[in-house]
Amino acid sequence: MSTSRTIIFALLSFLAGVNACLQCAASLDVDGSAVALSKTFLNDGVRYCIYGSSANCQYDAKDGLFVEGDDACPRTRYC
C-alpha cells in the first residue's frame, strides 16, 4: 500500500510541475485599454508574450518569473 501512495504522489507532483506556468494572459491592460495577446513563443527558456505593438513581456519558462518587458507587464508570475 505504501508503494501505491508513493507512486501516486510522484505522479501528481510531476503533473503539477508540467501544468505550471505555460500560458500568457489573454489580454493586458495598456494605458487603460485592454490589448489582446497576439503572439506567444518560447526561445532559450524564455516565454515571450506579445500584445500587438503595445507590449512585450518576457518570463522564465520554468518558474514563470518576470525577466523583462514593458511597464504594463505584470512583475509577478504569469500563470
PDB file of N, CA and C in Angstrom:
ATOM      1  N   MET A   1       0.822  -1.190   0.000  1.00  0.00           N
ATOM      2  CA  MET A   1       0.000   0.000   0.000  1.00  0.00           C
ATOM      3  C   MET A   1       0.871   1.261   0.000  1.00  0.00           C
ATOM      4  N   SER A   2       1.974   1.232   0.703  1.00  0.00           N
ATOM      5  CA  SER A   2       2.872   2.386   0.761  1.00  0.00           C
ATOM      6  C   SER A   2       3.467   2.696  -0.606  1.00  0.00           C
ATOM      7  N   THR A   3       3.761   1.660  -1.376  1.00  0.00           N
ATOM      8  CA  THR A   3       4.317   1.846  -2.720  1.00  0.00           C
ATOM      9  C   THR A   3       3.308   2.555  -3.619  1.00  0.00           C
ATOM     10  N   SER A   4       2.045   2.200  -3.523  1.00  0.00           N
ATOM     11  CA  SER A   4       0.995   2.832  -4.323  1.00  0.00           C
ATOM     12  C   SER A   4       0.892   4.319  -4.004  1.00  0.00           C
ATOM     13  N   ARG A   5       0.950   4.652  -2.726  1.00  0.00           N
ATOM     14  CA  ARG A   5       0.880   6.062  -2.325  1.00  0.00           C
ATOM     15  C   ARG A   5       2.071   6.843  -2.861  1.00  0.00           C
ATOM     16  N   THR A   6       3.239   6.245  -2.810  1.00  0.00           N
ATOM     17  CA  THR A   6       4.442   6.895  -3.307  1.00  0.00           C
ATOM     18  C   THR A   6       4.344   7.142  -4.809  1.00  0.00           C
ATOM     19  N   ILE A   7       3.866   6.160  -5.540  1.00  0.00           N
ATOM     20  CA  ILE A   7       3.717   6.304  -6.988  1.00  0.00           C
ATOM     21  C   ILE A   7       2.690   7.385  -7.323  1.00  0.00           C
ATOM     22  N   ILE A   8       1.568   7.376  -6.636  1.00  0.00           N
ATOM     23  CA  ILE A   8       0.537   8.392  -6.879  1.00  0.00           C
ATOM     24  C   ILE A   8       1.065   9.778  -6.541  1.00  0.00           C
ATOM     25  N   PHE A   9       1.758   9.928  -5.438  1.00  0.00           N
ATOM     26  CA  PHE A   9       2.324  11.224  -5.065  1.00  0.00           C
ATOM     27  C   PHE A   9       3.324  11.701  -6.108  1.00  0.00           C
ATOM     28  N   ALA A  10       4.178  10.812  -6.588  1.00  0.00           N
ATOM     29  CA  ALA A  10       5.157  11.181  -7.611  1.00  0.00           C
ATOM     30  C   ALA A  10       4.464  11.602  -8.903  1.00  0.00           C
ATOM     31  N   LEU A  11       3.432  10.890  -9.289  1.00  0.00           N
ATOM     32  CA  LEU A  11       2.693  11.225 -10.500  1.00  0.00           C
ATOM     33  C   LEU A  11       2.002  12.577 -10.367  1.00  0.00           C
ATOM     34  N   LEU A  12       1.355  12.829  -9.255  1.00  0.00           N
ATOM     35  CA  LEU A  12       0.687  14.118  -9.039  1.00  0.00           C
ATOM     36  C   LEU A  12       1.685  15.265  -8.989  1.00  0.00           C
ATOM     37  N   SER A  13       2.828  15.055  -8.393  1.00  0.00           N
ATOM     38  CA  SER A  13       3.860  16.090  -8.349  1.00  0.00           C
ATOM     39  C   SER A  13       4.360  16.407  -9.752  1.00  0.00           C
ATOM     40  N   PHE A  14       4.562  15.382 -10.550  1.00  0.00           N
ATOM     41  CA  PHE A  14       5.006  15.584 -11.925  1.00  0.00           C
ATOM     42  C   PHE A  14       3.960  16.358 -12.717  1.00  0.00           C
ATOM     43  N   LEU A  15       2.698  15.965 -12.609  1.00  0.00           N
ATOM     44  CA  LEU A  15       1.639  16.642 -13.350  1.00  0.00           C
ATOM     45  C   LEU A  15       1.482  18.090 -12.921  1.00  0.00           C
ATOM     46  N   ALA A  16       1.647  18.378 -11.667  1.00  0.00           N
ATOM     47  CA  ALA A  16       1.560  19.760 -11.195  1.00  0.00           C
ATOM     48  C   ALA A  16       2.698  20.589 -11.778  1.00  0.00           C
ATOM     49  N   GLY A  17       3.879  20.028 -11.861  1.00  0.00           N
ATOM     50  CA  GLY A  17       5.012  20.742 -12.435  1.00  0.00           C
ATOM     51  C   GLY A  17       4.869  20.968 -13.921  1.00  0.00           C
ATOM     52  N   VAL A  18       4.320  19.994 -14.630  1.00  0.00           N
ATOM     53  CA  VAL A  18       4.140  20.109 -16.071  1.00  0.00           C
ATOM     54  C   VAL A  18       3.099  21.174 -16.386  1.00  0.00           C
ATOM     55  N   ASN A  19       2.092  21.307 -15.558  1.00  0.00           N
ATOM     56  CA  ASN A  19       0.998  22.227 -15.822  1.00  0.00           C
ATOM     57  C   ASN A  19       1.313  23.654 -15.391  1.00  0.00           C
ATOM     58  N   ALA A  20       2.388  23.878 -14.707  1.00  0.00           N
ATOM     59  CA  ALA A  20       2.678  25.198 -14.155  1.00  0.00           C
ATOM     60  C   ALA A  20       3.219  26.146 -15.214  1.00  0.00           C
ATOM     61  N   CYS A  21       2.699  27.345 -15.227  1.00  0.00           N
ATOM     62  CA  CYS A  21       3.274  28.459 -15.976  1.00  0.00           C
ATOM     63  C   CYS A  21       3.454  28.200 -17.463  1.00  0.00           C
ATOM     64  N   LEU A  22       2.416  27.812 -18.157  1.00  0.00           N
ATOM     65  CA  LEU A  22       2.556  27.528 -19.569  1.00  0.00           C
ATOM     66  C   LEU A  22       1.873  28.541 -20.476  1.00  0.00           C
ATOM     67  N   GLN A  23       1.054  29.442 -19.957  1.00  0.00           N
ATOM     68  CA  GLN A  23       0.293  30.334 -20.814  1.00  0.00           C
ATOM     69  C   GLN A  23       0.456  31.791 -20.410  1.00  0.00           C
ATOM     70  N   CYS A  24       0.417  32.654 -21.413  1.00  0.00           N
ATOM     71  CA  CYS A  24       0.394  34.098 -21.173  1.00  0.00           C
ATOM     72  C   CYS A  24      -1.054  34.512 -20.929  1.00  0.00           C
ATOM     73  N   ALA A  25      -1.241  35.649 -20.304  1.00  0.00           N
ATOM     74  CA  ALA A  25      -2.587  36.170 -20.091  1.00  0.00           C
ATOM     75  C   ALA A  25      -3.231  36.479 -21.437  1.00  0.00           C
ATOM     76  N   ALA A  26      -4.533  36.285 -21.548  1.00  0.00           N
ATOM     77  CA  ALA A  26      -5.244  36.513 -22.809  1.00  0.00           C
ATOM     78  C   ALA A  26      -5.252  37.982 -23.210  1.00  0.00           C
ATOM     79  N   SER A  27      -5.195  38.873 -22.223  1.00  0.00           N
ATOM     80  CA  SER A  27      -5.149  40.300 -22.519  1.00  0.00           C
ATOM     81  C   SER A  27      -4.350  41.019 -21.433  1.00  0.00           C
ATOM     82  N   LEU A  28      -3.968  42.236 -21.744  1.00  0.00           N
ATOM     83  CA  LEU A  28      -3.146  43.037 -20.845  1.00  0.00           C
ATOM     84  C   LEU A  28      -3.664  44.465 -20.859  1.00  0.00           C
ATOM     85  N   ASP A  29      -3.698  45.112 -19.704  1.00  0.00           N
ATOM     86  CA  ASP A  29      -4.147  46.499 -19.614  1.00  0.00           C
ATOM     87  C   ASP A  29      -2.969  47.415 -19.942  1.00  0.00           C
ATOM     88  N   VAL A  30      -3.071  48.109 -21.076  1.00  0.00           N
ATOM     89  CA  VAL A  30      -2.032  49.037 -21.510  1.00  0.00           C
ATOM     90  C   VAL A  30      -2.649  50.435 -21.581  1.00  0.00           C
ATOM     91  N   ASP A  31      -2.223  51.311 -20.693  1.00  0.00           N
ATOM     92  CA  ASP A  31      -2.731  52.692 -20.639  1.00  0.00           C
ATOM     93  C   ASP A  31      -4.248  52.745 -20.580  1.00  0.00           C
ATOM     94  N   GLY A  32      -4.852  51.853 -19.791  1.00  0.00           N
ATOM     95  CA  GLY A  32      -6.294  51.864 -19.586  1.00  0.00           C
ATOM     96  C   GLY A  32      -7.098  51.120 -20.637  1.00  0.00           C
ATOM     97  N   SER A  33      -6.453  50.533 -21.630  1.00  0.00           N
ATOM     98  CA  SER A  33      -7.146  49.771 -22.668  1.00  0.00           C
ATOM     99  C   SER A  33      -6.675  48.326 -22.649  1.00  0.00           C
ATOM    100  N   ALA A  34      -7.628  47.427 -22.817  1.00  0.00           N
ATOM    101  CA  ALA A  34      -7.283  46.002 -22.873  1.00  0.00           C
ATOM    102  C   ALA A  34      -6.721  45.678 -24.257  1.00  0.00           C
ATOM    103  N   VAL A  35      -5.536  45.078 -24.275  1.00  0.00           N
ATOM    104  CA  VAL A  35      -4.891  44.683 -25.529  1.00  0.00           C
ATOM    105  C   VAL A  35      -4.783  43.161 -25.528  1.00  0.00           C
ATOM    106  N   ALA A  36      -5.286  42.545 -26.592  1.00  0.00           N
ATOM    107  CA  ALA A  36      -5.303  41.083 -26.683  1.00  0.00           C
ATOM    108  C   ALA A  36      -3.913  40.533 -26.997  1.00  0.00           C
ATOM    109  N   LEU A  37      -3.664  39.356 -26.483  1.00  0.00           N
ATOM    110  CA  LEU A  37      -2.428  38.632 -26.781  1.00  0.00           C
ATOM    111  C   LEU A  37      -2.416  38.306 -28.276  1.00  0.00           C
ATOM    112  N   SER A  38      -1.348  38.690 -28.971  1.00  0.00           N
ATOM    113  CA  SER A  38      -1.293  38.429 -30.411  1.00  0.00           C
ATOM    114  C   SER A  38      -0.329  37.308 -30.763  1.00  0.00           C
ATOM    115  N   LYS A  39       0.673  37.075 -29.920  1.00  0.00           N
ATOM    116  CA  LYS A  39       1.661  36.039 -30.232  1.00  0.00           C
ATOM    117  C   LYS A  39       2.364  35.610 -28.950  1.00  0.00           C
ATOM    118  N   THR A  40       2.686  34.339 -28.875  1.00  0.00           N
ATOM    119  CA  THR A  40       3.481  33.828 -27.769  1.00  0.00           C
ATOM    120  C   THR A  40       4.426  32.760 -28.305  1.00  0.00           C
ATOM    121  N   PHE A  41       5.635  32.755 -27.806  1.00  0.00           N
ATOM    122  CA  PHE A  41       6.591  31.738 -28.226  1.00  0.00           C
ATOM    123  C   PHE A  41       7.644  31.539 -27.149  1.00  0.00           C
ATOM    124  N   LEU A  42       8.338  30.426 -27.255  1.00  0.00           N
ATOM    125  CA  LEU A  42       9.383  30.052 -26.305  1.00  0.00           C
ATOM    126  C   LEU A  42      10.720  30.096 -27.025  1.00  0.00           C
ATOM    127  N   ASN A  43      11.713  30.750 -26.409  1.00  0.00           N
ATOM    128  CA  ASN A  43      13.039  30.840 -27.002  1.00  0.00           C
ATOM    129  C   ASN A  43      14.086  30.826 -25.890  1.00  0.00           C
ATOM    130  N   ASP A  44      14.963  29.844 -25.914  1.00  0.00           N
ATOM    131  CA  ASP A  44      16.047  29.722 -24.931  1.00  0.00           C
ATOM    132  C   ASP A  44      15.557  29.806 -23.488  1.00  0.00           C
ATOM    133  N   GLY A  45      14.461  29.121 -23.190  1.00  0.00           N
ATOM    134  CA  GLY A  45      13.947  29.065 -21.824  1.00  0.00           C
ATOM    135  C   GLY A  45      13.188  30.303 -21.382  1.00  0.00           C
ATOM    136  N   VAL A  46      12.874  31.193 -22.326  1.00  0.00           N
ATOM    137  CA  VAL A  46      12.120  32.405 -22.010  1.00  0.00           C
ATOM    138  C   VAL A  46      10.809  32.387 -22.786  1.00  0.00           C
ATOM    139  N   ARG A  47       9.693  32.601 -22.086  1.00  0.00           N
ATOM    140  CA  ARG A  47       8.373  32.684 -22.706  1.00  0.00           C
ATOM    141  C   ARG A  47       8.116  34.142 -23.072  1.00  0.00           C
ATOM    142  N   TYR A  48       7.859  34.394 -24.342  1.00  0.00           N
ATOM    143  CA  TYR A  48       7.556  35.739 -24.835  1.00  0.00           C
ATOM    144  C   TYR A  48       6.051  35.872 -25.008  1.00  0.00           C
ATOM    145  N   CYS A  49       5.485  36.939 -24.463  1.00  0.00           N
ATOM    146  CA  CYS A  49       4.069  37.245 -24.596  1.00  0.00           C
ATOM    147  C   CYS A  49       3.985  38.590 -25.313  1.00  0.00           C
ATOM    148  N   ILE A  50       3.501  38.588 -26.551  1.00  0.00           N
ATOM    149  CA  ILE A  50       3.456  39.786 -27.370  1.00  0.00           C
ATOM    150  C   ILE A  50       2.010  40.267 -27.462  1.00  0.00           C
ATOM    151  N   TYR A  51       1.790  41.513 -27.110  1.00  0.00           N
ATOM    152  CA  TYR A  51       0.467  42.122 -27.135  1.00  0.00           C
ATOM    153  C   TYR A  51       0.460  43.215 -28.199  1.00  0.00           C
ATOM    154  N   GLY A  52       0.245  42.807 -29.457  1.00  0.00           N
ATOM    155  CA  GLY A  52       0.273  43.741 -30.580  1.00  0.00           C
ATOM    156  C   GLY A  52       1.582  44.506 -30.590  1.00  0.00           C
ATOM    157  N   SER A  53       1.501  45.789 -30.903  1.00  0.00           N
ATOM    158  CA  SER A  53       2.700  46.633 -30.851  1.00  0.00           C
ATOM    159  C   SER A  53       2.772  47.378 -29.519  1.00  0.00           C
ATOM    160  N   SER A  54       1.844  47.038 -28.598  1.00  0.00           N
ATOM    161  CA  SER A  54       1.728  47.773 -27.334  1.00  0.00           C
ATOM    162  C   SER A  54       2.660  47.283 -26.236  1.00  0.00           C
ATOM    163  N   ALA A  55       2.853  45.978 -26.138  1.00  0.00           N
ATOM    164  CA  ALA A  55       3.644  45.455 -25.024  1.00  0.00           C
ATOM    165  C   ALA A  55       4.310  44.133 -25.381  1.00  0.00           C
ATOM    166  N   ASN A  56       5.488  43.929 -24.805  1.00  0.00           N
ATOM    167  CA  ASN A  56       6.270  42.709 -24.958  1.00  0.00           C
ATOM    168  C   ASN A  56       6.708  42.294 -23.561  1.00  0.00           C
ATOM    169  N   CYS A  57       6.247  41.132 -23.118  1.00  0.00           N
ATOM    170  CA  CYS A  57       6.582  40.648 -21.776  1.00  0.00           C
ATOM    171  C   CYS A  57       7.378  39.354 -21.893  1.00  0.00           C
ATOM    172  N   GLN A  58       8.399  39.208 -21.064  1.00  0.00           N
ATOM    173  CA  GLN A  58       9.234  38.009 -21.096  1.00  0.00           C
ATOM    174  C   GLN A  58       9.291  37.399 -19.695  1.00  0.00           C
ATOM    175  N   TYR A  59       9.078  36.074 -19.639  1.00  0.00           N
ATOM    176  CA  TYR A  59       9.050  35.354 -18.375  1.00  0.00           C
ATOM    177  C   TYR A  59       9.881  34.084 -18.482  1.00  0.00           C
ATOM    178  N   ASP A  60      10.484  33.693 -17.381  1.00  0.00           N
ATOM    179  CA  ASP A  60      11.210  32.430 -17.329  1.00  0.00           C
ATOM    180  C   ASP A  60      10.209  31.297 -17.530  1.00  0.00           C
ATOM    181  N   ALA A  61      10.477  30.424 -18.470  1.00  0.00           N
ATOM    182  CA  ALA A  61       9.535  29.353 -18.807  1.00  0.00           C
ATOM    183  C   ALA A  61       9.402  28.308 -17.709  1.00  0.00           C
ATOM    184  N   LYS A  62      10.406  28.149 -16.862  1.00  0.00           N
ATOM    185  CA  LYS A  62      10.342  27.125 -15.814  1.00  0.00           C
ATOM    186  C   LYS A  62       9.546  27.569 -14.606  1.00  0.00           C
ATOM    187  N   ASP A  63       9.779  28.792 -14.137  1.00  0.00           N
ATOM    188  CA  ASP A  63       9.105  29.220 -12.910  1.00  0.00           C
ATOM    189  C   ASP A  63       8.118  30.358 -13.116  1.00  0.00           C
ATOM    190  N   GLY A  64       8.025  30.917 -14.330  1.00  0.00           N
ATOM    191  CA  GLY A  64       7.057  31.959 -14.620  1.00  0.00           C
ATOM    192  C   GLY A  64       7.422  33.333 -14.101  1.00  0.00           C
ATOM    193  N   LEU A  65       8.622  33.504 -13.581  1.00  0.00           N
ATOM    194  CA  LEU A  65       9.016  34.800 -13.035  1.00  0.00           C
ATOM    195  C   LEU A  65       9.347  35.788 -14.147  1.00  0.00           C
ATOM    196  N   PHE A  66       9.046  37.053 -13.913  1.00  0.00           N
ATOM    197  CA  PHE A  66       9.288  38.119 -14.875  1.00  0.00           C
ATOM    198  C   PHE A  66      10.780  38.242 -15.165  1.00  0.00           C
ATOM    199  N   VAL A  67      11.140  38.362 -16.444  1.00  0.00           N
ATOM    200  CA  VAL A  67      12.525  38.556 -16.861  1.00  0.00           C
ATOM    201  C   VAL A  67      12.721  40.005 -17.279  1.00  0.00           C
ATOM    202  N   GLU A  68      11.948  40.454 -18.277  1.00  0.00           N
ATOM    203  CA  GLU A  68      11.967  41.857 -18.677  1.00  0.00           C
ATOM    204  C   GLU A  68      10.781  42.139 -19.581  1.00  0.00           C
ATOM    205  N   GLY A  69      10.512  43.422 -19.799  1.00  0.00           N
ATOM    206  CA  GLY A  69       9.399  43.797 -20.659  1.00  0.00           C
ATOM    207  C   GLY A  69       8.950  45.216 -20.389  1.00  0.00           C
ATOM    208  N   ASP A  70       7.833  45.568 -21.004  1.00  0.00           N
ATOM    209  CA  ASP A  70       7.284  46.916 -20.889  1.00  0.00           C
ATOM    210  C   ASP A  70       6.691  47.166 -19.505  1.00  0.00           C
ATOM    211  N   ASP A  71       6.432  48.430 -19.209  1.00  0.00           N
ATOM    212  CA  ASP A  71       5.882  48.809 -17.900  1.00  0.00           C
ATOM    213  C   ASP A  71       4.531  48.166 -17.622  1.00  0.00           C
ATOM    214  N   ALA A  72       3.755  47.864 -18.660  1.00  0.00           N
ATOM    215  CA  ALA A  72       2.421  47.284 -18.480  1.00  0.00           C
ATOM    216  C   ALA A  72       2.476  45.812 -18.081  1.00  0.00           C
ATOM    217  N   CYS A  73       3.612  45.177 -18.241  1.00  0.00           N
ATOM    218  CA  CYS A  73       3.721  43.742 -17.925  1.00  0.00           C
ATOM    219  C   CYS A  73       3.675  43.490 -16.421  1.00  0.00           C
ATOM    220  N   PRO A  74       2.909  42.487 -16.005  1.00  0.00           N
ATOM    221  CA  PRO A  74       2.907  42.126 -14.591  1.00  0.00           C
ATOM    222  C   PRO A  74       4.298  41.669 -14.149  1.00  0.00           C
ATOM    223  N   ARG A  75       4.720  42.070 -12.975  1.00  0.00           N
ATOM    224  CA  ARG A  75       6.048  41.705 -12.480  1.00  0.00           C
ATOM    225  C   ARG A  75       6.028  40.423 -11.663  1.00  0.00           C
ATOM    226  N   THR A  76       4.880  39.807 -11.575  1.00  0.00           N
ATOM    227  CA  THR A  76       4.739  38.549 -10.833  1.00  0.00           C
ATOM    228  C   THR A  76       4.620  37.414 -11.832  1.00  0.00           C
ATOM    229  N   ARG A  77       4.441  36.211 -11.332  1.00  0.00           N
ATOM    230  CA  ARG A  77       4.280  35.057 -12.203  1.00  0.00           C
ATOM    231  C   ARG A  77       3.123  35.283 -13.164  1.00  0.00           C
ATOM    232  N   TYR A  78       3.295  34.810 -14.390  1.00  0.00           N
ATOM    233  CA  TYR A  78       2.253  34.999 -15.391  1.00  0.00           C
ATOM    234  C   TYR A  78       1.247  33.868 -15.417  1.00  0.00           C
ATOM    235  N   CYS A  79       1.406  32.850 -14.565  1.00  0.00           N
ATOM    236  CA  CYS A  79       0.464  31.740 -14.589  1.00  0.00           C
ATOM    237  C   CYS A  79      -0.442  31.793 -13.392  1.00  0.00           C
TER     238      CYS A  79
END
